[in-house]
Amino acid sequence: MRATNLSCLLAALFASATFHNVTAKKISWVIPMNPQEIIVTKGSEVTFEWTGNHDVYKSNSKADFDSCTKTGGTQEGPAANGGSWKQTLITIGTHYYICSVGGHCAAGQKVAVTVVDSHVNWAIPTNSQAITVMQGAHVGFTWIGNHDVYKSASKADFDSCKKTGGTIAAPAANAGTWKAALSTVGTHYYICSVGGHCGAGQKIAITVTDNHNHNNHNHGQQPEPEPEPEPESETGAQSTSSGAGHSSPLSGIINWLWILLLTLAPLVL
């Protein structure tokens, strides 16, 4: 019974950390849309807002999106003369939306919304130049202005902003996006090779960890010391600790909650 109570408390703690990078994204739903592709973090609330007579229709596939097909999909926001529609997106991948009213889609009223685990605002300088993600995480870069995404061959090349020997992940474009699922454990080094952008700070090192080791990484910082284990209860159950380890500010809150949990555990037991 005591172990059950503690398990419930642990479940509540993890439930509070399910979506830790939640953001709000407002889309001005107009003809034409610019840009027609955006990237948001898993758990983000996306809101379409419009004036005039429009709807929000979710295409069944990229092919239907590209051809403005108005069948086989889902009517999300009904047509209205001025209105809004919102939804929290939790499914990783690209969601395709068009306006199915008249010839609006063909005139450019469409947007592809890609949901990723971690989003990088690719700017000068890059706000965070080192992040940690779990193996298989989907990472997306977005930028305005003329930039590319170049993968350096080594840390030395990354540190020195060397522009040879690596790989162009995304070609230079005046505003764009790039996304990838990172499955190889280790650190991946990315710079912008346009002009002096890398030297001005447009670079990021993304460390990919497996599920077991992810809780030992937090934005490249040293791991938090593990709290001392609780003594075994009469049932033989022993409390264990593991950090959330996500690359977000909530990790500090979770560490604090662990301390609170260990303090309250004797009362629950």
Protein backbone atom coordinates (compact mmCIF):
# COMPACT_ATOMS: atom_id res chain seq x y z
CA MET A 1 0.00 0.00 0.00
CA ARG A 2 2.82 2.38 0.88
CA ALA A 3 4.62 1.56 -2.35
CA THR A 4 1.38 2.21 -4.25
CA ASN A 5 1.02 5.66 -2.69
CA LEU A 6 4.58 6.52 -3.63
CA SER A 7 4.01 5.26 -7.18
CA CYS A 8 1.00 7.55 -7.53
CA LEU A 9 3.10 10.48 -6.37
CA LEU A 10 5.79 9.61 -8.92
CA ALA A 11 3.19 9.34 -11.70
CA ALA A 12 1.85 12.79 -10.86
CA LEU A 13 5.37 14.21 -11.00
CA PHE A 14 6.08 12.79 -14.45
CA ALA A 15 2.67 13.83 -15.76
CA SER A 16 3.52 17.44 -14.93
CA ALA A 17 6.54 17.22 -17.26
CA THR A 18 4.84 15.74 -20.31
CA PHE A 19 4.97 18.85 -22.52
CA HIS A 20 7.78 21.09 -21.34
CA ASN A 21 8.36 23.22 -24.45
CA VAL A 22 4.80 24.39 -24.99
CA THR A 23 4.54 27.60 -27.02
CA ALA A 24 1.75 29.53 -28.72
CA LYS A 25 1.89 30.21 -32.45
CA LYS A 26 -0.53 32.58 -34.17
CA ILE A 27 -1.01 32.25 -37.92
CA SER A 28 -2.47 35.15 -39.87
CA TRP A 29 -4.58 33.18 -42.36
CA VAL A 30 -4.38 35.28 -45.54
CA ILE A 31 -3.98 35.07 -49.33
CA PRO A 32 -1.17 34.26 -50.01
CA MET A 33 0.55 32.77 -46.98
CA ASN A 34 4.19 33.75 -46.48
CA PRO A 35 5.92 31.61 -45.40
CA GLN A 36 4.03 28.48 -46.35
CA GLU A 37 5.99 26.26 -43.96
CA ILE A 38 6.50 26.76 -40.23
CA ILE A 39 8.02 24.65 -37.46
CA VAL A 40 6.65 24.40 -33.92
CA THR A 41 7.58 22.39 -30.85
CA LYS A 42 5.51 19.40 -29.77
CA GLY A 43 2.66 20.52 -27.54
CA SER A 44 2.41 23.99 -29.08
CA GLU A 45 -0.99 25.62 -29.47
CA VAL A 46 -1.44 26.87 -33.04
CA THR A 47 -4.13 29.48 -33.75
CA PHE A 48 -5.37 30.47 -37.22
CA GLU A 49 -6.94 33.94 -37.35
CA TRP A 50 -8.59 35.55 -40.37
CA THR A 51 -10.82 38.27 -41.72
CA GLY A 52 -12.99 37.69 -44.79
CA ASN A 53 -14.57 34.37 -45.73
CA HIS A 54 -12.17 31.48 -45.07
CA ASP A 55 -12.00 28.04 -43.51
CA VAL A 56 -9.24 25.70 -42.27
CA TYR A 57 -9.12 22.35 -44.04
CA LYS A 58 -6.53 19.66 -43.17
CA SER A 59 -5.25 17.83 -46.24
CA ASN A 60 -4.83 14.07 -46.08
CA SER A 61 -1.36 14.12 -47.64
CA LYS A 62 1.36 16.33 -49.06
CA ALA A 63 0.16 15.45 -52.56
CA ASP A 64 -3.36 16.67 -51.73
CA PHE A 65 -1.85 19.79 -50.14
CA ASP A 66 0.27 20.54 -53.20
CA SER A 67 -2.66 20.06 -55.59
CA CYS A 68 -5.21 21.83 -53.34
CA THR A 69 -7.43 18.73 -53.30
CA LYS A 70 -10.57 19.44 -51.28
CA THR A 71 -11.70 15.87 -50.61
CA GLY A 72 -10.38 13.08 -48.36
CA GLY A 73 -9.21 15.47 -45.64
CA THR A 74 -10.80 16.96 -42.52
CA GLN A 75 -12.74 20.17 -42.05
CA GLU A 76 -11.08 21.70 -39.00
CA GLY A 77 -12.31 25.29 -38.89
CA PRO A 78 -15.65 25.89 -40.67
CA ALA A 79 -15.96 28.71 -43.18
CA ALA A 80 -16.78 32.04 -41.56
CA ASN A 81 -16.61 35.71 -42.43
CA GLY A 82 -13.88 36.45 -39.93
CA GLY A 83 -12.93 33.87 -37.34
CA SER A 84 -10.30 31.72 -35.68
CA TRP A 85 -9.44 28.08 -35.08
CA LYS A 86 -6.87 26.63 -32.72
CA GLN A 87 -5.45 23.26 -31.81
CA THR A 88 -2.64 21.85 -29.67
CA LEU A 89 -0.34 19.80 -31.91
CA ILE A 90 1.26 16.79 -30.24
CA THR A 91 1.89 14.46 -33.18
CA ILE A 92 5.43 14.66 -34.57
CA GLY A 93 5.47 15.22 -38.31
CA THR A 94 4.04 17.65 -40.86
CA HIS A 95 0.40 18.72 -40.82
CA TYR A 96 -0.96 20.26 -44.05
CA TYR A 97 -3.64 22.96 -43.99
CA ILE A 98 -5.39 24.79 -46.84
CA CYS A 99 -8.34 27.13 -47.26
CA SER A 100 -10.91 25.19 -49.28
CA VAL A 101 -13.06 28.24 -50.05
CA GLY A 102 -13.15 29.03 -53.79
CA GLY A 103 -9.70 29.35 -55.33
CA HIS A 104 -8.02 30.52 -52.14
CA CYS A 105 -5.65 27.55 -51.86
CA ALA A 106 -4.53 27.86 -55.47
CA ALA A 107 -3.86 31.53 -54.75
CA GLY A 108 -1.48 30.53 -51.95
CA GLN A 109 -3.61 30.21 -48.80
CA LYS A 110 -1.97 27.07 -47.46
CA VAL A 111 0.60 26.22 -44.78
CA ALA A 112 2.56 23.13 -43.75
CA VAL A 113 3.07 22.99 -39.98
CA THR A 114 5.88 20.67 -38.89
CA VAL A 115 5.91 19.50 -35.27
CA VAL A 116 9.33 18.69 -33.80
CA ASP A 117 10.79 17.76 -30.42
CA SER A 118 13.24 20.66 -30.38
CA HIS A 119 13.23 23.93 -32.32
CA VAL A 120 16.28 26.05 -33.19
CA ASN A 121 15.80 29.73 -34.00
CA TRP A 122 18.65 29.99 -36.52
CA ALA A 123 19.79 33.56 -35.94
CA ILE A 124 22.92 35.68 -35.38
CA PRO A 125 23.95 34.86 -32.73
CA THR A 126 22.18 31.59 -31.99
CA ASN A 127 20.57 31.94 -28.58
CA SER A 128 21.72 28.56 -27.26
CA GLN A 129 24.84 27.15 -28.89
CA ALA A 130 24.65 23.73 -27.19
CA ILE A 131 21.57 21.58 -26.62
CA THR A 132 20.93 17.94 -25.75
CA VAL A 133 18.20 15.76 -27.26
CA MET A 134 17.21 12.13 -27.05
CA GLN A 135 18.11 9.64 -29.77
CA GLY A 136 15.60 9.84 -32.61
CA ALA A 137 14.45 13.35 -31.70
CA HIS A 138 13.11 15.53 -34.48
CA VAL A 139 14.92 18.88 -34.62
CA GLY A 140 13.86 21.84 -36.75
CA PHE A 141 15.71 25.03 -37.76
CA THR A 142 13.88 28.16 -38.92
CA TRP A 143 15.38 31.45 -40.10
CA ILE A 144 14.74 34.72 -41.84
CA GLY A 145 17.39 36.44 -43.91
CA ASN A 146 20.00 34.65 -46.03
CA HIS A 147 21.36 31.60 -44.18
CA ASP A 148 22.22 27.97 -44.69
CA VAL A 149 22.78 24.97 -42.39
CA TYR A 150 26.25 23.43 -42.71
CA LYS A 151 27.33 20.34 -40.74
CA SER A 152 30.95 20.56 -39.63
CA ALA A 153 33.13 17.48 -39.87
CA SER A 154 34.56 17.89 -36.37
CA LYS A 155 34.49 19.99 -33.22
CA ALA A 156 37.74 21.66 -34.30
CA ASP A 157 36.13 22.72 -37.59
CA PHE A 158 33.06 23.90 -35.68
CA ASP A 159 35.13 25.95 -33.25
CA SER A 160 37.14 27.56 -36.05
CA CYS A 161 34.10 28.05 -38.37
CA LYS A 162 35.85 26.07 -41.11
CA LYS A 163 33.69 25.89 -44.24
CA THR A 164 35.27 22.89 -45.99
CA GLY A 165 35.24 19.17 -45.30
CA GLY A 166 31.69 19.17 -43.99
CA THR A 167 28.22 18.78 -45.49
CA ILE A 168 25.57 21.25 -46.59
CA ALA A 169 22.45 20.14 -44.69
CA ALA A 170 20.27 22.96 -46.04
CA PRO A 171 21.27 25.28 -48.91
CA ALA A 172 21.34 29.03 -48.44
CA ALA A 173 17.91 30.65 -48.72
CA ASN A 174 16.40 34.01 -47.87
CA ALA A 175 14.19 32.63 -45.07
CA GLY A 176 13.72 28.90 -44.75
CA THR A 177 13.44 25.79 -42.64
CA TRP A 178 15.38 22.56 -42.18
CA LYS A 179 14.41 19.53 -40.14
CA ALA A 180 15.91 16.14 -39.37
CA ALA A 181 15.49 13.15 -37.08
CA LEU A 182 18.80 12.70 -35.27
CA SER A 183 19.40 9.01 -34.64
CA THR A 184 23.20 8.84 -34.28
CA VAL A 185 24.40 9.13 -30.68
CA GLY A 186 27.10 11.78 -30.27
CA THR A 187 27.49 15.48 -30.92
CA HIS A 188 26.49 17.00 -34.24
CA TYR A 189 28.01 20.38 -35.10
CA TYR A 190 26.15 22.90 -37.26
CA ILE A 191 27.18 26.36 -38.48
CA CYS A 192 25.95 28.92 -40.99
CA SER A 193 28.60 29.09 -43.70
CA VAL A 194 27.25 32.28 -45.28
CA GLY A 195 29.67 35.20 -44.98
CA GLY A 196 30.88 35.78 -41.43
CA HIS A 197 27.73 34.44 -39.78
CA CYS A 198 29.45 31.58 -37.95
CA GLY A 199 32.14 33.90 -36.60
CA ALA A 200 29.33 36.15 -35.33
CA GLY A 201 27.85 33.25 -33.36
CA GLN A 202 25.48 31.42 -35.71
CA LYS A 203 26.37 27.89 -34.70
CA ILE A 204 25.02 25.10 -32.51
CA ALA A 205 26.27 21.79 -31.13
CA ILE A 206 23.49 19.22 -30.70
CA THR A 207 24.33 16.26 -28.49
CA VAL A 208 22.24 13.14 -29.08
CA THR A 209 22.05 10.70 -26.19
CA ASP A 210 20.41 7.31 -25.84
CA ASN A 211 17.47 6.88 -23.50
CA HIS A 212 19.61 5.59 -20.65
CA ASN A 213 22.17 8.39 -20.70
CA HIS A 214 19.85 11.28 -21.55
CA ASN A 215 19.25 12.13 -17.91
CA ASN A 216 22.97 12.82 -17.48
CA HIS A 217 22.87 15.71 -19.96
CA ASN A 218 21.33 19.13 -19.55
CA HIS A 219 22.42 21.76 -22.08
CA GLY A 220 25.99 20.52 -21.85
CA GLN A 221 26.14 21.11 -18.09
CA GLN A 222 27.54 18.66 -15.57
CA PRO A 223 24.90 16.21 -14.29
CA GLU A 224 23.19 17.04 -11.03
CA PRO A 225 24.37 14.91 -8.10
CA GLU A 226 21.97 12.08 -7.38
CA PRO A 227 20.14 12.39 -4.06
CA GLU A 228 20.92 9.70 -1.53
CA PRO A 229 18.45 6.78 -1.80
CA GLU A 230 15.66 6.43 0.72
CA PRO A 231 15.99 3.50 3.12
CA GLU A 232 14.03 0.43 2.12
CA SER A 233 10.46 0.30 3.36
CA GLU A 234 8.95 -2.71 5.11
CA THR A 235 7.70 -4.01 1.76
CA GLY A 236 11.23 -3.95 0.35
CA ALA A 237 10.38 -1.23 -2.19
CA GLN A 238 13.06 1.43 -2.62
CA SER A 239 12.55 4.86 -4.17
CA THR A 240 14.75 5.66 -7.14
CA SER A 241 15.58 8.91 -8.90
CA SER A 242 16.03 9.86 -12.51
CA GLY A 243 16.18 13.34 -14.02
CA ALA A 244 13.84 14.46 -16.77
CA GLY A 245 16.93 15.51 -18.76
CA HIS A 246 15.08 17.51 -21.44
CA SER A 247 16.74 20.55 -22.98
CA SER A 248 14.36 23.07 -21.37
CA PRO A 249 14.13 25.34 -18.30
CA LEU A 250 11.69 22.89 -16.71
CA SER A 251 14.57 20.56 -15.83
CA GLY A 252 15.49 22.80 -12.89
CA ILE A 253 11.91 22.70 -11.63
CA ILE A 254 11.85 18.90 -11.88
CA ASN A 255 15.07 18.68 -9.84
CA TRP A 256 13.43 20.85 -7.19
CA LEU A 257 10.33 18.62 -7.25
CA TRP A 258 12.52 15.57 -6.67
CA ILE A 259 13.91 17.17 -3.53
CA LEU A 260 10.36 17.97 -2.39
CA LEU A 261 9.28 14.42 -3.20
CA LEU A 262 12.05 12.88 -1.13
CA THR A 263 11.16 15.19 1.73
CA LEU A 264 7.48 14.24 1.63
CA ALA A 265 7.99 10.52 0.94
CA PRO A 266 8.20 9.53 4.65
CA LEU A 267 4.83 11.24 5.26
CA VAL A 268 3.23 9.36 2.36
CA LEU A 269 4.72 6.09 3.47
